[in-house]
């Protein structure tokens, strides 16, 4: 049995390891994890930049990867506590974005300001217990290559946004968006698609 399996099978040991890595009642890793674990465990590509005021709440039990020549701007928050966060090459994560795994963001993506991508949902079914004590469920968020997402967009758990899409500012993306689409609204709806035969964007 591997060390990981031993820890998972022993609840007392699991709690101790969790306590040693994360600050109690917070999602933040302890300083020793930031300094001695994350730089060697997580992948940062050549030319990638994480601005100084980014909140990087990443732990060693899920992946965090930032591709080459990609940037995470100030005041953003990245959290891989319940699922990996993978960001591709030449991608710009704008100011004050929140990304909670599991999330996969492709190459050549533009995320504007104040965007939330969350692969996490809180369980709430048991009304006799506070919601924060009922655990969470996760479902992968995927943003495919060459997509642009406007400011103040929320992308919900389980959603896939296809290649070369435009998501208008303020949209709430509750369902999958096919590649080569322009989508707007709350809930989001597709208003244009690219016609590969006529080579123009056509209203839907």
N, C-alpha and C. Protein backbone atom coordinates (compact mmCIF):
# COMPACT_ATOMS: atom_id res chain seq x y z
N UNK A 1 0.84 -1.19 0.00
CA UNK A 1 0.00 0.00 0.00
C UNK A 1 0.89 1.25 0.00
N UNK A 2 0.57 2.21 -0.89
CA UNK A 2 1.37 3.43 -1.00
C UNK A 2 1.10 4.35 0.19
N UNK A 3 1.99 5.33 0.39
CA UNK A 3 1.82 6.29 1.48
C UNK A 3 0.51 7.05 1.33
N UNK A 4 0.18 7.41 0.10
CA UNK A 4 -1.08 8.13 -0.16
C UNK A 4 -2.28 7.30 0.26
N UNK A 5 -2.27 6.01 -0.06
CA UNK A 5 -3.38 5.12 0.30
C UNK A 5 -3.46 4.92 1.80
N UNK A 6 -2.30 4.84 2.47
CA UNK A 6 -2.27 4.70 3.93
C UNK A 6 -2.92 5.92 4.59
N UNK A 7 -2.55 7.12 4.10
CA UNK A 7 -3.10 8.35 4.67
C UNK A 7 -4.61 8.41 4.46
N UNK A 8 -5.04 8.07 3.25
CA UNK A 8 -6.48 8.13 2.94
C UNK A 8 -7.30 7.14 3.76
N UNK A 9 -6.71 6.01 4.09
CA UNK A 9 -7.45 4.96 4.81
C UNK A 9 -7.52 5.19 6.31
N UNK A 10 -6.71 6.11 6.84
CA UNK A 10 -6.66 6.37 8.28
C UNK A 10 -7.17 7.79 8.53
N UNK A 11 -8.38 7.94 9.08
CA UNK A 11 -9.00 9.25 9.24
C UNK A 11 -8.19 10.16 10.16
N UNK A 12 -7.63 9.62 11.23
CA UNK A 12 -6.83 10.43 12.14
C UNK A 12 -5.58 10.96 11.45
N UNK A 13 -4.91 10.09 10.72
CA UNK A 13 -3.71 10.50 9.98
C UNK A 13 -4.06 11.49 8.88
N UNK A 14 -5.20 11.27 8.22
CA UNK A 14 -5.65 12.17 7.16
C UNK A 14 -5.89 13.58 7.72
N UNK A 15 -6.55 13.66 8.89
CA UNK A 15 -6.79 14.96 9.51
C UNK A 15 -5.48 15.65 9.90
N UNK A 16 -4.52 14.87 10.40
CA UNK A 16 -3.23 15.44 10.79
C UNK A 16 -2.49 16.01 9.58
N UNK A 17 -2.47 15.26 8.48
CA UNK A 17 -1.81 15.72 7.26
C UNK A 17 -2.50 16.97 6.73
N UNK A 18 -3.83 16.96 6.74
CA UNK A 18 -4.59 18.12 6.27
C UNK A 18 -4.26 19.35 7.11
N UNK A 19 -4.22 19.18 8.45
CA UNK A 19 -3.88 20.27 9.35
C UNK A 19 -2.48 20.80 9.10
N UNK A 20 -1.55 19.90 8.80
CA UNK A 20 -0.15 20.32 8.60
C UNK A 20 0.05 21.08 7.29
N UNK A 21 -0.88 20.90 6.34
CA UNK A 21 -0.73 21.54 5.02
C UNK A 21 -1.55 22.82 4.91
N UNK A 22 -2.79 22.81 5.44
CA UNK A 22 -3.67 23.98 5.34
C UNK A 22 -3.86 24.64 6.69
N UNK A 23 -3.97 25.96 6.68
CA UNK A 23 -4.28 26.71 7.89
C UNK A 23 -5.71 26.35 8.32
N UNK A 24 -5.93 25.99 9.59
CA UNK A 24 -7.28 25.60 10.03
C UNK A 24 -8.34 26.65 9.71
N UNK A 25 -9.50 26.17 9.25
CA UNK A 25 -10.64 27.01 8.90
C UNK A 25 -10.36 27.98 7.76
N UNK A 26 -9.33 27.69 6.98
CA UNK A 26 -9.03 28.50 5.81
C UNK A 26 -8.66 27.55 4.66
N UNK A 27 -8.70 28.11 3.46
CA UNK A 27 -8.30 27.33 2.29
C UNK A 27 -6.83 27.55 1.94
N UNK A 28 -6.14 28.32 2.75
CA UNK A 28 -4.76 28.70 2.43
C UNK A 28 -3.76 27.65 2.90
N UNK A 29 -2.77 27.35 2.04
CA UNK A 29 -1.69 26.47 2.51
C UNK A 29 -0.77 27.19 3.48
N UNK A 30 -0.13 26.42 4.34
CA UNK A 30 0.84 26.99 5.27
C UNK A 30 2.07 27.47 4.48
N UNK A 31 2.84 28.36 5.11
CA UNK A 31 3.99 28.95 4.42
C UNK A 31 4.99 27.91 3.98
N UNK A 32 5.20 26.87 4.78
CA UNK A 32 6.20 25.86 4.41
C UNK A 32 5.79 25.15 3.11
N UNK A 33 4.48 24.99 2.90
CA UNK A 33 4.00 24.37 1.66
C UNK A 33 4.27 25.31 0.48
N UNK A 34 3.98 26.61 0.66
CA UNK A 34 4.22 27.59 -0.40
C UNK A 34 5.70 27.64 -0.79
N UNK A 35 6.57 27.58 0.23
CA UNK A 35 7.99 27.77 -0.02
C UNK A 35 8.72 26.49 -0.44
N UNK A 36 8.37 25.36 0.18
CA UNK A 36 9.16 24.15 0.02
C UNK A 36 8.51 23.06 -0.83
N UNK A 37 7.21 23.17 -1.06
CA UNK A 37 6.51 22.12 -1.82
C UNK A 37 6.04 22.63 -3.18
N UNK A 38 5.24 23.70 -3.17
CA UNK A 38 4.61 24.15 -4.41
C UNK A 38 5.59 24.47 -5.55
N UNK A 39 6.72 25.13 -5.28
CA UNK A 39 7.62 25.44 -6.40
C UNK A 39 8.16 24.20 -7.12
N UNK A 40 8.19 23.07 -6.42
CA UNK A 40 8.76 21.85 -7.01
C UNK A 40 7.68 20.89 -7.49
N UNK A 41 6.49 20.99 -6.92
CA UNK A 41 5.42 20.04 -7.24
C UNK A 41 4.55 20.52 -8.40
N UNK A 42 4.29 21.83 -8.46
CA UNK A 42 3.41 22.38 -9.48
C UNK A 42 4.23 22.91 -10.65
N UNK A 43 3.61 22.90 -11.83
CA UNK A 43 4.34 23.21 -13.06
C UNK A 43 4.06 24.64 -13.52
N UNK A 44 5.13 25.38 -13.76
CA UNK A 44 5.03 26.74 -14.29
C UNK A 44 5.91 26.82 -15.53
N UNK A 45 5.29 27.09 -16.68
CA UNK A 45 6.01 27.08 -17.95
C UNK A 45 6.95 28.27 -18.12
N UNK A 46 7.82 28.15 -19.08
CA UNK A 46 8.79 29.20 -19.39
C UNK A 46 8.06 30.49 -19.78
N UNK A 47 8.46 31.59 -19.17
CA UNK A 47 7.85 32.88 -19.48
C UNK A 47 6.52 33.12 -18.79
N UNK A 48 6.04 32.17 -17.98
CA UNK A 48 4.77 32.35 -17.27
C UNK A 48 4.96 33.32 -16.11
N UNK A 49 3.89 34.05 -15.78
CA UNK A 49 3.98 35.08 -14.74
C UNK A 49 2.76 35.01 -13.84
N UNK A 50 3.01 34.93 -12.54
CA UNK A 50 1.95 35.05 -11.53
C UNK A 50 2.22 36.34 -10.77
N UNK A 51 1.34 37.31 -10.91
CA UNK A 51 1.56 38.61 -10.28
C UNK A 51 1.59 38.49 -8.76
N UNK A 52 2.27 39.44 -8.14
CA UNK A 52 2.57 39.36 -6.70
C UNK A 52 1.31 39.35 -5.83
N UNK A 53 0.24 40.01 -6.27
CA UNK A 53 -0.97 40.10 -5.45
C UNK A 53 -2.00 39.01 -5.78
N UNK A 54 -1.58 37.99 -6.48
CA UNK A 54 -2.45 36.84 -6.71
C UNK A 54 -2.54 35.99 -5.44
N UNK A 55 -3.73 35.52 -5.12
CA UNK A 55 -3.90 34.59 -4.00
C UNK A 55 -3.86 33.18 -4.56
N UNK A 56 -2.79 32.48 -4.27
CA UNK A 56 -2.55 31.15 -4.82
C UNK A 56 -2.76 30.11 -3.72
N UNK A 57 -4.00 29.63 -3.62
CA UNK A 57 -4.33 28.63 -2.60
C UNK A 57 -4.24 27.24 -3.25
N UNK A 58 -3.01 26.80 -3.44
CA UNK A 58 -2.80 25.49 -4.08
C UNK A 58 -2.10 24.56 -3.12
N UNK A 59 -2.61 23.33 -3.08
CA UNK A 59 -2.08 22.29 -2.20
C UNK A 59 -1.53 21.15 -3.05
N UNK A 60 -0.74 20.26 -2.47
CA UNK A 60 -0.08 19.22 -3.27
C UNK A 60 -0.96 18.04 -3.65
N UNK A 61 -2.23 18.00 -3.22
CA UNK A 61 -3.02 16.82 -3.54
C UNK A 61 -3.74 16.91 -4.89
N UNK A 62 -3.73 18.09 -5.54
CA UNK A 62 -4.23 18.22 -6.90
C UNK A 62 -3.25 19.07 -7.70
N UNK A 63 -3.27 18.90 -9.02
CA UNK A 63 -2.32 19.63 -9.87
C UNK A 63 -2.69 21.11 -9.99
N UNK A 64 -1.66 21.93 -10.10
CA UNK A 64 -1.79 23.29 -10.60
C UNK A 64 -0.71 23.47 -11.65
N UNK A 65 -1.12 23.84 -12.86
CA UNK A 65 -0.17 24.06 -13.95
C UNK A 65 -0.51 25.37 -14.65
N UNK A 66 0.54 26.15 -14.94
CA UNK A 66 0.42 27.38 -15.71
C UNK A 66 1.35 27.28 -16.90
N UNK A 67 0.79 27.33 -18.11
CA UNK A 67 1.56 27.10 -19.32
C UNK A 67 2.52 28.23 -19.66
N UNK A 68 3.34 27.99 -20.64
CA UNK A 68 4.37 28.96 -21.02
C UNK A 68 3.75 30.25 -21.55
N UNK A 69 4.38 31.35 -21.16
CA UNK A 69 3.98 32.70 -21.58
C UNK A 69 2.55 33.05 -21.19
N UNK A 70 2.04 32.42 -20.13
CA UNK A 70 0.72 32.75 -19.60
C UNK A 70 0.88 33.64 -18.36
N UNK A 71 -0.18 34.41 -18.06
CA UNK A 71 -0.14 35.36 -16.95
C UNK A 71 -1.39 35.26 -16.10
N UNK A 72 -1.21 35.31 -14.78
CA UNK A 72 -2.33 35.49 -13.86
C UNK A 72 -2.16 36.87 -13.23
N UNK A 73 -3.13 37.75 -13.48
CA UNK A 73 -3.01 39.13 -13.04
C UNK A 73 -3.34 39.28 -11.55
N UNK A 74 -3.03 40.47 -11.02
CA UNK A 74 -3.22 40.77 -9.59
C UNK A 74 -4.66 40.57 -9.15
N UNK A 75 -4.80 40.25 -7.87
CA UNK A 75 -6.07 40.12 -7.16
C UNK A 75 -6.91 38.93 -7.60
N UNK A 76 -6.33 38.05 -8.41
CA UNK A 76 -7.01 36.81 -8.75
C UNK A 76 -6.79 35.79 -7.64
N UNK A 77 -7.68 34.78 -7.59
CA UNK A 77 -7.57 33.70 -6.61
C UNK A 77 -7.66 32.37 -7.33
N UNK A 78 -6.69 31.50 -7.08
CA UNK A 78 -6.64 30.17 -7.68
C UNK A 78 -6.71 29.15 -6.56
N UNK A 79 -7.64 28.18 -6.66
CA UNK A 79 -7.80 27.19 -5.60
C UNK A 79 -7.96 25.81 -6.22
N UNK A 80 -7.04 24.90 -5.87
CA UNK A 80 -7.10 23.52 -6.37
C UNK A 80 -7.44 22.53 -5.25
N UNK A 81 -8.08 23.02 -4.19
CA UNK A 81 -8.35 22.18 -3.03
C UNK A 81 -9.21 20.96 -3.32
N UNK A 82 -10.17 21.08 -4.25
CA UNK A 82 -11.06 19.96 -4.55
C UNK A 82 -10.91 19.47 -5.98
N UNK A 83 -9.99 20.05 -6.74
CA UNK A 83 -9.77 19.58 -8.11
C UNK A 83 -8.65 20.36 -8.77
N UNK A 84 -8.02 19.77 -9.78
CA UNK A 84 -6.88 20.41 -10.43
C UNK A 84 -7.27 21.68 -11.17
N UNK A 85 -6.30 22.58 -11.29
CA UNK A 85 -6.44 23.78 -12.12
C UNK A 85 -5.30 23.74 -13.14
N UNK A 86 -5.67 23.56 -14.40
CA UNK A 86 -4.70 23.46 -15.48
C UNK A 86 -4.93 24.62 -16.44
N UNK A 87 -3.91 25.45 -16.65
CA UNK A 87 -4.01 26.62 -17.54
C UNK A 87 -2.97 26.45 -18.64
N UNK A 88 -3.40 26.60 -19.88
CA UNK A 88 -2.53 26.34 -21.02
C UNK A 88 -1.55 27.46 -21.33
N UNK A 89 -1.03 27.43 -22.55
CA UNK A 89 0.00 28.37 -23.00
C UNK A 89 -0.63 29.66 -23.53
N UNK A 90 0.10 30.77 -23.35
CA UNK A 90 -0.27 32.08 -23.91
C UNK A 90 -1.68 32.51 -23.50
N UNK A 91 -2.04 32.20 -22.28
CA UNK A 91 -3.37 32.51 -21.76
C UNK A 91 -3.26 33.62 -20.72
N UNK A 92 -4.20 34.56 -20.77
CA UNK A 92 -4.20 35.69 -19.84
C UNK A 92 -5.39 35.57 -18.90
N UNK A 93 -5.10 35.43 -17.62
CA UNK A 93 -6.12 35.44 -16.57
C UNK A 93 -6.17 36.85 -16.03
N UNK A 94 -7.27 37.57 -16.27
CA UNK A 94 -7.35 38.99 -15.97
C UNK A 94 -7.44 39.31 -14.49
N UNK A 95 -7.54 40.59 -14.18
CA UNK A 95 -7.60 41.07 -12.81
C UNK A 95 -8.82 40.49 -12.08
N UNK A 96 -8.60 40.08 -10.84
CA UNK A 96 -9.69 39.69 -9.92
C UNK A 96 -10.53 38.51 -10.42
N UNK A 97 -9.90 37.56 -11.10
CA UNK A 97 -10.59 36.33 -11.47
C UNK A 97 -10.53 35.34 -10.32
N UNK A 98 -11.56 34.50 -10.21
CA UNK A 98 -11.58 33.41 -9.22
C UNK A 98 -11.72 32.10 -9.97
N UNK A 99 -10.76 31.20 -9.76
CA UNK A 99 -10.77 29.90 -10.44
C UNK A 99 -10.67 28.82 -9.38
N UNK A 100 -11.72 28.00 -9.28
CA UNK A 100 -11.79 26.92 -8.30
C UNK A 100 -11.92 25.61 -9.05
N UNK A 101 -10.94 24.72 -8.89
CA UNK A 101 -10.93 23.47 -9.64
C UNK A 101 -12.06 22.54 -9.27
N UNK A 102 -12.32 21.53 -10.10
CA UNK A 102 -11.52 21.18 -11.27
C UNK A 102 -11.85 22.05 -12.49
N UNK A 103 -10.79 22.67 -13.04
CA UNK A 103 -10.92 23.56 -14.19
C UNK A 103 -9.75 23.29 -15.14
N UNK A 104 -10.07 23.17 -16.43
CA UNK A 104 -9.03 23.11 -17.47
C UNK A 104 -9.26 24.26 -18.43
N UNK A 105 -8.26 25.12 -18.56
CA UNK A 105 -8.30 26.28 -19.44
C UNK A 105 -7.26 26.06 -20.53
N UNK A 106 -7.66 26.20 -21.78
CA UNK A 106 -6.78 25.86 -22.90
C UNK A 106 -5.74 26.92 -23.21
N UNK A 107 -5.26 26.88 -24.44
CA UNK A 107 -4.24 27.80 -24.94
C UNK A 107 -4.89 29.05 -25.56
N UNK A 108 -4.18 30.17 -25.49
CA UNK A 108 -4.58 31.40 -26.17
C UNK A 108 -5.96 31.88 -25.72
N UNK A 109 -6.23 31.78 -24.43
CA UNK A 109 -7.49 32.22 -23.85
C UNK A 109 -7.34 33.64 -23.30
N UNK A 110 -8.39 34.44 -23.46
CA UNK A 110 -8.45 35.76 -22.84
C UNK A 110 -9.59 35.77 -21.83
N UNK A 111 -9.26 35.90 -20.55
CA UNK A 111 -10.26 36.10 -19.52
C UNK A 111 -10.16 37.55 -19.06
N UNK A 112 -11.25 38.29 -19.13
CA UNK A 112 -11.25 39.69 -18.71
C UNK A 112 -11.26 39.78 -17.19
N UNK A 113 -11.96 40.75 -16.62
CA UNK A 113 -11.90 40.99 -15.18
C UNK A 113 -13.10 40.38 -14.46
N UNK A 114 -12.88 40.05 -13.18
CA UNK A 114 -13.96 39.64 -12.26
C UNK A 114 -14.75 38.42 -12.77
N UNK A 115 -14.06 37.46 -13.34
CA UNK A 115 -14.70 36.24 -13.84
C UNK A 115 -14.59 35.16 -12.77
N UNK A 116 -15.63 34.33 -12.65
CA UNK A 116 -15.61 33.18 -11.76
C UNK A 116 -15.79 31.91 -12.56
N UNK A 117 -14.83 31.00 -12.45
CA UNK A 117 -14.93 29.65 -13.00
C UNK A 117 -14.85 28.70 -11.81
N UNK A 118 -15.92 27.96 -11.56
CA UNK A 118 -15.92 27.09 -10.39
C UNK A 118 -16.44 25.71 -10.74
N UNK A 119 -15.59 24.71 -10.51
CA UNK A 119 -16.01 23.32 -10.67
C UNK A 119 -16.61 22.74 -9.41
N UNK A 120 -16.89 23.58 -8.41
CA UNK A 120 -17.36 23.13 -7.10
C UNK A 120 -18.79 23.58 -6.85
N UNK A 121 -19.56 22.70 -6.25
CA UNK A 121 -20.88 23.04 -5.71
C UNK A 121 -20.97 22.53 -4.27
N UNK A 122 -21.63 23.29 -3.41
CA UNK A 122 -21.87 22.83 -2.04
C UNK A 122 -23.11 21.96 -2.00
N UNK A 123 -23.04 20.86 -1.27
CA UNK A 123 -24.22 20.03 -1.04
C UNK A 123 -25.12 20.73 -0.03
N UNK A 124 -26.45 20.58 -0.20
CA UNK A 124 -27.38 21.32 0.64
C UNK A 124 -28.64 20.53 1.02
N UNK A 125 -28.71 19.25 0.62
CA UNK A 125 -29.96 18.51 0.71
C UNK A 125 -30.48 18.30 2.14
N UNK A 126 -29.57 18.15 3.11
CA UNK A 126 -29.95 17.87 4.50
C UNK A 126 -30.21 19.18 5.23
N UNK A 127 -31.51 19.50 5.47
CA UNK A 127 -31.84 20.80 6.07
C UNK A 127 -31.56 20.84 7.57
N UNK A 128 -31.20 19.69 8.18
CA UNK A 128 -30.88 19.68 9.61
C UNK A 128 -29.44 20.06 9.89
N UNK A 129 -28.64 20.21 8.84
CA UNK A 129 -27.21 20.54 9.00
C UNK A 129 -26.87 21.78 8.20
N UNK A 130 -25.95 22.63 8.71
CA UNK A 130 -25.50 23.77 7.91
C UNK A 130 -24.89 23.31 6.59
N UNK A 131 -25.06 24.10 5.56
CA UNK A 131 -24.58 23.71 4.23
C UNK A 131 -23.06 23.49 4.23
N UNK A 132 -22.34 24.31 4.98
CA UNK A 132 -20.87 24.18 4.95
C UNK A 132 -20.38 22.88 5.59
N UNK A 133 -21.25 22.15 6.28
CA UNK A 133 -20.87 20.87 6.87
C UNK A 133 -21.29 19.66 6.02
N UNK A 134 -21.89 19.90 4.88
CA UNK A 134 -22.43 18.81 4.07
C UNK A 134 -21.51 18.39 2.91
N UNK A 135 -20.32 18.96 2.87
CA UNK A 135 -19.39 18.56 1.82
C UNK A 135 -19.70 19.23 0.49
N UNK A 136 -18.96 18.82 -0.52
CA UNK A 136 -19.09 19.44 -1.83
C UNK A 136 -19.16 18.35 -2.91
N UNK A 137 -19.64 18.76 -4.07
CA UNK A 137 -19.56 17.93 -5.26
C UNK A 137 -18.79 18.71 -6.31
N UNK A 138 -18.16 18.00 -7.22
CA UNK A 138 -17.36 18.68 -8.24
C UNK A 138 -17.71 18.16 -9.63
N UNK A 139 -17.54 19.04 -10.61
CA UNK A 139 -17.74 18.68 -12.01
C UNK A 139 -16.86 19.60 -12.86
N UNK A 140 -16.10 19.01 -13.74
CA UNK A 140 -15.05 19.73 -14.48
C UNK A 140 -15.60 20.87 -15.33
N UNK A 141 -14.96 22.04 -15.23
CA UNK A 141 -15.17 23.16 -16.14
C UNK A 141 -14.05 23.13 -17.18
N UNK A 142 -14.42 23.22 -18.45
CA UNK A 142 -13.43 23.20 -19.53
C UNK A 142 -13.63 24.41 -20.44
N UNK A 143 -12.54 25.15 -20.66
CA UNK A 143 -12.55 26.27 -21.61
C UNK A 143 -11.56 25.91 -22.72
N UNK A 144 -12.06 25.71 -23.93
CA UNK A 144 -11.21 25.27 -25.02
C UNK A 144 -10.47 26.44 -25.66
N UNK A 145 -9.50 26.12 -26.52
CA UNK A 145 -8.53 27.09 -27.04
C UNK A 145 -9.18 28.30 -27.72
N UNK A 146 -8.46 29.44 -27.61
CA UNK A 146 -8.74 30.65 -28.40
C UNK A 146 -10.08 31.29 -28.07
N UNK A 147 -10.57 31.11 -26.86
CA UNK A 147 -11.85 31.69 -26.45
C UNK A 147 -11.62 32.97 -25.66
N UNK A 148 -12.58 33.89 -25.78
CA UNK A 148 -12.54 35.17 -25.06
C UNK A 148 -13.77 35.24 -24.17
N UNK A 149 -13.55 35.47 -22.86
CA UNK A 149 -14.64 35.61 -21.90
C UNK A 149 -14.60 37.01 -21.33
N UNK A 150 -15.75 37.73 -21.46
CA UNK A 150 -15.84 39.11 -21.00
C UNK A 150 -15.92 39.23 -19.49
N UNK A 151 -15.89 40.46 -19.01
CA UNK A 151 -15.85 40.72 -17.57
C UNK A 151 -17.15 40.31 -16.89
N UNK A 152 -17.01 39.95 -15.61
CA UNK A 152 -18.14 39.63 -14.74
C UNK A 152 -18.94 38.41 -15.19
N UNK A 153 -18.31 37.49 -15.89
CA UNK A 153 -18.96 36.25 -16.30
C UNK A 153 -18.82 35.21 -15.19
N UNK A 154 -19.85 34.39 -15.01
CA UNK A 154 -19.81 33.25 -14.09
C UNK A 154 -20.01 31.99 -14.92
N UNK A 155 -19.09 31.03 -14.77
CA UNK A 155 -19.19 29.75 -15.47
C UNK A 155 -19.39 28.67 -14.41
N UNK A 156 -20.51 27.96 -14.50
CA UNK A 156 -20.88 27.00 -13.46
C UNK A 156 -20.21 25.64 -13.67
N UNK A 157 -20.22 24.85 -12.61
CA UNK A 157 -19.59 23.53 -12.62
C UNK A 157 -20.17 22.66 -13.73
N UNK A 158 -19.29 21.90 -14.37
CA UNK A 158 -19.71 20.94 -15.39
C UNK A 158 -19.81 21.50 -16.79
N UNK A 159 -19.60 22.79 -16.97
CA UNK A 159 -19.78 23.44 -18.27
C UNK A 159 -18.51 23.30 -19.12
N UNK A 160 -18.72 23.08 -20.42
CA UNK A 160 -17.64 23.15 -21.41
C UNK A 160 -17.95 24.28 -22.39
N UNK A 161 -16.99 25.19 -22.55
CA UNK A 161 -17.09 26.24 -23.56
C UNK A 161 -16.12 25.86 -24.67
N UNK A 162 -16.65 25.79 -25.90
CA UNK A 162 -15.87 25.28 -27.02
C UNK A 162 -14.78 26.23 -27.51
N UNK A 163 -14.17 25.83 -28.59
CA UNK A 163 -13.04 26.57 -29.18
C UNK A 163 -13.53 27.85 -29.85
N UNK A 164 -12.74 28.92 -29.72
CA UNK A 164 -12.94 30.21 -30.39
C UNK A 164 -14.36 30.74 -30.17
N UNK A 165 -14.76 30.75 -28.90
CA UNK A 165 -16.05 31.32 -28.52
C UNK A 165 -15.85 32.71 -27.94
N UNK A 166 -16.94 33.50 -27.95
CA UNK A 166 -16.99 34.79 -27.27
C UNK A 166 -18.16 34.72 -26.29
N UNK A 167 -17.86 34.96 -25.01
CA UNK A 167 -18.90 35.00 -23.98
C UNK A 167 -19.01 36.45 -23.51
N UNK A 168 -20.17 37.05 -23.73
CA UNK A 168 -20.35 38.47 -23.46
C UNK A 168 -20.28 38.78 -21.98
N UNK A 169 -19.87 40.00 -21.66
CA UNK A 169 -19.74 40.45 -20.28
C UNK A 169 -21.05 40.26 -19.52
N UNK A 170 -20.93 39.82 -18.28
CA UNK A 170 -22.08 39.68 -17.41
C UNK A 170 -22.88 38.41 -17.59
N UNK A 171 -22.46 37.53 -18.48
CA UNK A 171 -23.21 36.30 -18.74
C UNK A 171 -23.04 35.30 -17.60
N UNK A 172 -24.06 34.45 -17.42
CA UNK A 172 -23.98 33.32 -16.50
C UNK A 172 -24.11 32.06 -17.35
N UNK A 173 -23.01 31.30 -17.42
CA UNK A 173 -22.94 30.16 -18.33
C UNK A 173 -23.36 28.91 -17.57
N UNK A 174 -24.56 28.45 -17.86
CA UNK A 174 -25.16 27.32 -17.15
C UNK A 174 -25.15 26.04 -17.97
N UNK A 175 -24.75 26.13 -19.25
CA UNK A 175 -24.78 24.96 -20.13
C UNK A 175 -23.61 25.04 -21.10
N UNK A 176 -23.33 23.93 -21.76
CA UNK A 176 -22.23 23.87 -22.72
C UNK A 176 -22.47 24.84 -23.88
N UNK A 177 -21.37 25.43 -24.36
CA UNK A 177 -21.42 26.33 -25.51
C UNK A 177 -20.60 25.69 -26.63
N UNK A 178 -21.21 25.47 -27.81
CA UNK A 178 -20.47 24.84 -28.90
C UNK A 178 -19.37 25.75 -29.45
N UNK A 179 -18.38 25.14 -30.05
CA UNK A 179 -17.26 25.89 -30.62
C UNK A 179 -17.76 26.91 -31.65
N UNK A 180 -17.01 27.99 -31.80
CA UNK A 180 -17.28 29.04 -32.79
C UNK A 180 -18.66 29.65 -32.59
N UNK A 181 -18.94 30.02 -31.32
CA UNK A 181 -20.22 30.63 -30.98
C UNK A 181 -19.99 31.93 -30.22
N UNK A 182 -20.98 32.84 -30.34
CA UNK A 182 -21.06 34.02 -29.48
C UNK A 182 -22.27 33.83 -28.59
N UNK A 183 -22.08 33.97 -27.28
CA UNK A 183 -23.16 33.71 -26.33
C UNK A 183 -23.29 34.87 -25.35
N UNK A 184 -24.55 35.18 -24.96
CA UNK A 184 -24.82 36.30 -24.07
C UNK A 184 -25.92 35.92 -23.08
N UNK A 185 -25.99 36.67 -21.97
CA UNK A 185 -27.17 36.63 -21.12
C UNK A 185 -27.09 35.79 -19.88
N UNK A 186 -28.16 35.86 -19.09
CA UNK A 186 -28.33 35.10 -17.85
C UNK A 186 -29.75 34.52 -17.83
N UNK A 187 -29.88 33.21 -18.06
CA UNK A 187 -28.82 32.25 -18.43
C UNK A 187 -28.35 32.49 -19.86
N UNK A 188 -27.15 32.03 -20.14
CA UNK A 188 -26.52 32.32 -21.42
C UNK A 188 -27.27 31.66 -22.58
N UNK A 189 -27.27 32.33 -23.72
CA UNK A 189 -27.83 31.75 -24.95
C UNK A 189 -26.92 32.12 -26.11
N UNK A 190 -26.85 31.25 -27.11
CA UNK A 190 -26.02 31.49 -28.30
C UNK A 190 -26.77 32.40 -29.25
N UNK A 191 -26.11 33.49 -29.68
CA UNK A 191 -26.76 34.41 -30.62
C UNK A 191 -26.10 34.42 -32.00
N UNK A 192 -24.87 33.90 -32.09
CA UNK A 192 -24.18 33.82 -33.38
C UNK A 192 -23.35 32.55 -33.45
N UNK A 193 -23.20 32.02 -34.65
CA UNK A 193 -22.29 30.91 -34.90
C UNK A 193 -21.51 31.19 -36.18
N UNK A 194 -20.28 30.70 -36.21
CA UNK A 194 -19.47 30.88 -37.40
C UNK A 194 -19.82 29.81 -38.43
N UNK A 195 -20.10 30.25 -39.66
CA UNK A 195 -20.40 29.34 -40.75
C UNK A 195 -19.11 29.09 -41.53
N UNK A 196 -18.60 27.87 -41.45
CA UNK A 196 -17.31 27.57 -42.10
C UNK A 196 -17.42 27.55 -43.62
N UNK A 197 -18.62 27.40 -44.14
CA UNK A 197 -18.81 27.41 -45.60
C UNK A 197 -18.81 28.84 -46.14
N UNK A 198 -19.62 29.71 -45.52
CA UNK A 198 -19.69 31.10 -45.99
C UNK A 198 -18.59 31.97 -45.40
N UNK A 199 -17.94 31.46 -44.32
CA UNK A 199 -16.86 32.15 -43.63
C UNK A 199 -17.32 33.48 -43.02
N UNK A 200 -18.54 33.49 -42.51
CA UNK A 200 -19.04 34.66 -41.77
C UNK A 200 -19.73 34.19 -40.49
N UNK A 201 -19.83 35.15 -39.53
CA UNK A 201 -20.57 34.89 -38.30
C UNK A 201 -22.04 35.18 -38.58
N UNK A 202 -22.90 34.20 -38.34
CA UNK A 202 -24.32 34.32 -38.66
C UNK A 202 -25.15 34.31 -37.39
N UNK A 203 -26.19 35.17 -37.37
CA UNK A 203 -27.11 35.19 -36.23
C UNK A 203 -27.89 33.87 -36.17
N UNK A 204 -28.14 33.45 -34.94
CA UNK A 204 -28.90 32.22 -34.73
C UNK A 204 -30.38 32.56 -34.57
